[in-house]
């Protein structure tokens, strides 16, 4: 069991995605029903912190040493440390990007 201080907003929310890094940080996106927004959090050393620089983050994934999150307004953000984020416009039209999240098989 993991105890997390200052974990998530009070009230009702729906966790929409999780990603973890080799340095034991956990990133998660959630829909906060209290304010009607998607939010991105990072959990490090038992404390959760809202990543306030990214608005409407709706999904998060760890791949090739980076954390990526997609904001519902069309930007993709990436980071290696969870502090400094780089924004990129998401492709559209015939260049649209499809990211598929597949849950691991618990039986191996």
Protein backbone atom coordinates (compact mmCIF):
# COMPACT_ATOMS: atom_id res chain seq x y z
CA UNK A 1 0.00 0.00 0.00
CA UNK A 2 1.23 3.50 -0.84
CA UNK A 3 0.27 6.49 1.28
CA UNK A 4 0.12 9.74 -0.66
CA UNK A 5 -0.06 13.14 1.00
CA UNK A 6 -2.15 15.94 -0.52
CA UNK A 7 -3.56 13.42 -2.98
CA UNK A 8 -5.90 14.78 -5.61
CA UNK A 9 -8.71 17.27 -5.26
CA UNK A 10 -11.50 16.93 -2.73
CA UNK A 11 -14.80 15.81 -4.18
CA UNK A 12 -15.57 13.66 -7.18
CA UNK A 13 -13.10 12.82 -9.94
CA UNK A 14 -12.43 10.10 -12.50
CA UNK A 15 -8.84 8.93 -13.09
CA UNK A 16 -8.45 8.58 -16.87
CA UNK A 17 -4.84 7.39 -17.29
CA UNK A 18 -1.64 6.51 -15.39
CA UNK A 19 2.03 6.30 -16.33
CA UNK A 20 5.10 5.62 -14.22
CA UNK A 21 8.78 6.32 -14.80
CA UNK A 22 11.90 4.35 -13.83
CA UNK A 23 12.70 7.02 -11.20
CA UNK A 24 9.44 6.12 -9.41
CA UNK A 25 7.30 9.09 -10.40
CA UNK A 26 3.67 8.43 -11.20
CA UNK A 27 1.81 10.69 -13.62
CA UNK A 28 -1.97 10.59 -13.84
CA UNK A 29 -4.74 12.44 -15.59
CA UNK A 30 -8.19 12.82 -14.16
CA UNK A 31 -11.47 14.52 -14.85
CA UNK A 32 -12.36 16.78 -11.91
CA UNK A 33 -16.15 16.96 -11.66
CA UNK A 34 -15.90 19.89 -9.20
CA UNK A 35 -14.42 22.32 -11.73
CA UNK A 36 -15.30 20.48 -14.98
CA UNK A 37 -11.64 20.21 -16.08
CA UNK A 38 -9.14 17.54 -17.03
CA UNK A 39 -6.04 17.78 -14.82
CA UNK A 40 -2.54 16.27 -14.80
CA UNK A 41 -0.82 15.28 -11.53
CA UNK A 42 2.65 13.98 -10.71
CA UNK A 43 3.22 11.88 -7.60
CA UNK A 44 6.77 11.85 -6.32
CA UNK A 45 8.07 10.74 -2.93
CA UNK A 46 4.52 10.31 -1.60
CA UNK A 47 3.19 13.77 -2.47
CA UNK A 48 0.82 14.55 -5.34
CA UNK A 49 1.19 17.84 -7.18
CA UNK A 50 -1.02 19.41 -9.84
CA UNK A 51 0.94 20.23 -13.00
CA UNK A 52 -0.59 23.67 -13.41
CA UNK A 53 1.25 24.52 -16.62
CA UNK A 54 -0.84 22.07 -18.65
CA UNK A 55 -4.55 22.75 -19.11
CA UNK A 56 -7.03 19.99 -19.95
CA UNK A 57 -4.55 17.09 -20.01
CA UNK A 58 -6.65 14.07 -20.91
CA UNK A 59 -4.13 11.25 -21.29
CA UNK A 60 -0.58 10.43 -20.20
CA UNK A 61 1.95 7.79 -21.30
CA UNK A 62 5.64 6.99 -20.66
CA UNK A 63 7.66 6.03 -23.75
CA UNK A 64 11.40 6.02 -24.58
CA UNK A 65 12.45 7.99 -21.51
CA UNK A 66 9.77 10.69 -21.81
CA UNK A 67 6.34 11.40 -20.39
CA UNK A 68 3.80 12.53 -23.00
CA UNK A 69 0.41 14.04 -22.30
CA UNK A 70 -2.31 15.14 -24.70
CA UNK A 71 -4.38 18.23 -23.92
CA UNK A 72 -7.90 18.25 -25.29
CA UNK A 73 -7.27 21.55 -27.10
CA UNK A 74 -4.83 19.91 -29.53
CA UNK A 75 -1.39 20.11 -27.92
CA UNK A 76 0.96 17.29 -27.03
CA UNK A 77 3.38 17.97 -24.18
CA UNK A 78 6.55 16.05 -23.38
CA UNK A 79 9.01 16.02 -20.51
CA UNK A 80 11.93 14.00 -19.19
CA UNK A 81 11.78 15.35 -15.63
CA UNK A 82 8.12 16.31 -14.99
CA UNK A 83 9.14 19.94 -14.44
CA UNK A 84 10.05 21.40 -17.84
CA UNK A 85 7.42 20.65 -20.52
CA UNK A 86 7.67 21.17 -24.28
CA UNK A 87 4.46 21.81 -26.22
CA UNK A 88 3.86 20.58 -29.75
CA UNK A 89 0.77 20.93 -31.89
CA UNK A 90 -0.99 17.66 -32.54
CA UNK A 91 -1.20 16.60 -36.19
CA UNK A 92 -4.61 16.93 -37.82
CA UNK A 93 -6.43 15.86 -40.94
CA UNK A 94 -4.59 13.23 -42.97
CA UNK A 95 -1.62 13.59 -40.61
CA UNK A 96 -3.65 12.78 -37.47
CA UNK A 97 -1.86 10.89 -34.77
CA UNK A 98 -3.37 7.77 -33.26
CA UNK A 99 -2.08 6.65 -29.88
CA UNK A 100 -3.41 3.38 -28.52
CA UNK A 101 -3.14 2.51 -24.85
CA UNK A 102 -3.16 -1.21 -24.17
CA UNK A 103 -3.47 -2.58 -20.65
CA UNK A 104 -0.99 -5.35 -19.83
CA UNK A 105 -2.26 -8.89 -19.43
CA UNK A 106 -2.16 -9.58 -15.65
CA UNK A 107 -1.53 -13.30 -16.23
CA UNK A 108 1.61 -12.64 -18.21
